Every structure is written in structure tokens, then in C-alpha cells.
Amino acid sequence: MASKSSKKKPIGKMIIMGIISVALYVGLFMQQDLINGYNARGGLYAFLPIATAFLFSFVHGSFTGDFWTVLGIEASKKKKEVK
């Protein structure tokens, strides 16, 4: 019988997403003048801050979710109410 602890933990994915997340933040801070210049141009460039926020949110959220899974912390399941 398989138990909950026998599930394969996403350690490799967590490490990769962590490295990508750190690289994104380092790139953002090191090139902030260039990035701000593009973001301030207007027109279609106005979508760059939104795309940047989605990219950071996806990568960091994936890393964080895998981090908690590796630690064994999962969201509680809602129980159906019996009437």
C-alpha cells in the first residue's frame, strides 16, 4: 500500500526554479536602468511590466510551491459537509 510519504518529491524542479528565480532577480537589479527605460516608453512597451510581473510570479510561485512540497507541507483538503 502506498503511503503519502512515498510520493516522489520535486527536488530537481525546485532547485531549477530556484536558480531561475535568483537569476531573474539578479538580472532585474543589475539591469534596472535598461529595464526601466523600456518600460517607460509607452505604446506596446506598456505591456512589458505586466509580462515581467507574470514571469516573476510564475517562476517564484512554482519554486515556492515545490519548496513547501519538498518540506512535506501541503494545503489542507476541504471536507464535504454532510447534511
C-alpha atoms as a PDB file:
ATOM      1  CA  MET A   1       0.000   0.000   0.000  1.00  0.00           C
ATOM      2  CA  ALA A   2       1.414   3.378  -0.992  1.00  0.00           C
ATOM      3  CA  SER A   3       1.611   5.969   1.713  1.00  0.00           C
ATOM      4  CA  LYS A   4       1.686   9.744   1.338  1.00  0.00           C
ATOM      5  CA  SER A   5       5.386   9.910   2.150  1.00  0.00           C
ATOM      6  CA  SER A   6       6.275   7.605  -0.760  1.00  0.00           C
ATOM      7  CA  LYS A   7       5.372  10.280  -3.323  1.00  0.00           C
ATOM      8  CA  LYS A   8       8.355  11.472  -5.324  1.00  0.00           C
ATOM      9  CA  LYS A   9       9.362  14.933  -4.158  1.00  0.00           C
ATOM     10  CA  PRO A  10      10.148  17.550  -6.842  1.00  0.00           C
ATOM     11  CA  ILE A  11      13.637  18.360  -5.558  1.00  0.00           C
ATOM     12  CA  GLY A  12      15.182  18.780  -9.026  1.00  0.00           C
ATOM     13  CA  LYS A  13      12.404  21.053 -10.250  1.00  0.00           C
ATOM     14  CA  MET A  14      12.626  23.081  -7.037  1.00  0.00           C
ATOM     15  CA  ILE A  15      16.364  23.626  -7.489  1.00  0.00           C
ATOM     16  CA  ILE A  16      15.998  24.592 -11.161  1.00  0.00           C
ATOM     17  CA  MET A  17      13.159  27.033 -10.487  1.00  0.00           C
ATOM     18  CA  GLY A  18      15.117  28.467  -7.553  1.00  0.00           C
ATOM     19  CA  ILE A  19      18.136  29.092  -9.770  1.00  0.00           C
ATOM     20  CA  ILE A  20      15.944  30.683 -12.455  1.00  0.00           C
ATOM     21  CA  SER A  21      14.239  32.842  -9.825  1.00  0.00           C
ATOM     22  CA  VAL A  22      17.555  34.074  -8.425  1.00  0.00           C
ATOM     23  CA  ALA A  23      18.846  34.728 -11.955  1.00  0.00           C
ATOM     24  CA  LEU A  24      15.733  36.772 -12.787  1.00  0.00           C
ATOM     25  CA  TYR A  25      16.098  38.911  -9.659  1.00  0.00           C
ATOM     26  CA  VAL A  26      19.852  39.409 -10.218  1.00  0.00           C
ATOM     27  CA  GLY A  27      19.213  40.368 -13.856  1.00  0.00           C
ATOM     28  CA  LEU A  28      16.444  42.745 -12.831  1.00  0.00           C
ATOM     29  CA  PHE A  29      18.568  44.539 -10.246  1.00  0.00           C
ATOM     30  CA  MET A  30      21.712  44.647 -12.380  1.00  0.00           C
ATOM     31  CA  GLN A  31      19.899  45.965 -15.462  1.00  0.00           C
ATOM     32  CA  GLN A  32      17.211  48.060 -13.796  1.00  0.00           C
ATOM     33  CA  ASP A  33      18.067  51.246 -15.740  1.00  0.00           C
ATOM     34  CA  LEU A  34      17.716  49.441 -19.079  1.00  0.00           C
ATOM     35  CA  ILE A  35      14.503  47.717 -17.998  1.00  0.00           C
ATOM     36  CA  ASN A  36      13.011  50.954 -16.663  1.00  0.00           C
ATOM     37  CA  GLY A  37      13.888  52.658 -19.945  1.00  0.00           C
ATOM     38  CA  TYR A  38      11.947  50.094 -21.957  1.00  0.00           C
ATOM     39  CA  ASN A  39       9.026  50.058 -19.528  1.00  0.00           C
ATOM     40  CA  ALA A  40       8.685  53.858 -19.684  1.00  0.00           C
ATOM     41  CA  ARG A  41       8.459  54.094 -23.494  1.00  0.00           C
ATOM     42  CA  GLY A  42       4.696  53.665 -23.649  1.00  0.00           C
ATOM     43  CA  GLY A  43       2.708  52.175 -26.522  1.00  0.00           C
ATOM     44  CA  LEU A  44       3.120  48.415 -26.755  1.00  0.00           C
ATOM     45  CA  TYR A  45       6.024  48.642 -24.308  1.00  0.00           C
ATOM     46  CA  ALA A  46       3.394  49.273 -21.625  1.00  0.00           C
ATOM     47  CA  PHE A  47       2.771  45.511 -21.588  1.00  0.00           C
ATOM     48  CA  LEU A  48       6.373  44.778 -20.534  1.00  0.00           C
ATOM     49  CA  PRO A  49       5.816  45.447 -16.797  1.00  0.00           C
ATOM     50  CA  ILE A  50       2.762  43.173 -16.874  1.00  0.00           C
ATOM     51  CA  ALA A  51       4.652  40.413 -18.685  1.00  0.00           C
ATOM     52  CA  THR A  52       7.568  40.825 -16.281  1.00  0.00           C
ATOM     53  CA  ALA A  53       5.271  40.528 -13.274  1.00  0.00           C
ATOM     54  CA  PHE A  54       3.647  37.366 -14.690  1.00  0.00           C
ATOM     55  CA  LEU A  55       7.069  35.829 -15.406  1.00  0.00           C
ATOM     56  CA  PHE A  56       8.366  36.538 -11.910  1.00  0.00           C
ATOM     57  CA  SER A  57       5.108  35.365 -10.355  1.00  0.00           C
ATOM     58  CA  PHE A  58       5.113  32.086 -12.284  1.00  0.00           C
ATOM     59  CA  VAL A  59       8.755  31.214 -11.618  1.00  0.00           C
ATOM     60  CA  HIS A  60       8.794  32.269  -7.964  1.00  0.00           C
ATOM     61  CA  GLY A  61       5.391  30.666  -7.297  1.00  0.00           C
ATOM     62  CA  SER A  62       6.493  27.382  -8.844  1.00  0.00           C
ATOM     63  CA  PHE A  63       9.669  27.391  -6.746  1.00  0.00           C
ATOM     64  CA  THR A  64       7.744  28.209  -3.565  1.00  0.00           C
ATOM     65  CA  GLY A  65       5.125  25.514  -4.176  1.00  0.00           C
ATOM     66  CA  ASP A  66       7.802  22.884  -4.777  1.00  0.00           C
ATOM     67  CA  PHE A  67       9.751  24.103  -1.738  1.00  0.00           C
ATOM     68  CA  TRP A  68       6.793  23.509   0.574  1.00  0.00           C
ATOM     69  CA  THR A  69       6.071  20.148  -1.075  1.00  0.00           C
ATOM     70  CA  VAL A  70       9.660  19.030  -0.505  1.00  0.00           C
ATOM     71  CA  LEU A  71       9.328  20.043   3.145  1.00  0.00           C
ATOM     72  CA  GLY A  72       6.161  17.942   3.348  1.00  0.00           C
ATOM     73  CA  ILE A  73       3.751  20.808   3.925  1.00  0.00           C
ATOM     74  CA  GLU A  74       0.575  20.545   1.854  1.00  0.00           C
ATOM     75  CA  ALA A  75      -2.637  22.554   1.763  1.00  0.00           C
ATOM     76  CA  SER A  76      -5.449  21.015   3.733  1.00  0.00           C
ATOM     77  CA  LYS A  77      -8.254  19.425   1.775  1.00  0.00           C
ATOM     78  CA  LYS A  78     -11.711  20.812   2.338  1.00  0.00           C
ATOM     79  CA  LYS A  79     -14.069  18.182   3.664  1.00  0.00           C
ATOM     80  CA  LYS A  80     -17.517  17.892   2.172  1.00  0.00           C
ATOM     81  CA  GLU A  81     -20.265  18.894   4.519  1.00  0.00           C
ATOM     82  CA  VAL A  82     -22.627  16.019   5.296  1.00  0.00           C
ATOM     83  CA  LYS A  83     -26.263  17.004   5.632  1.00  0.00           C
END
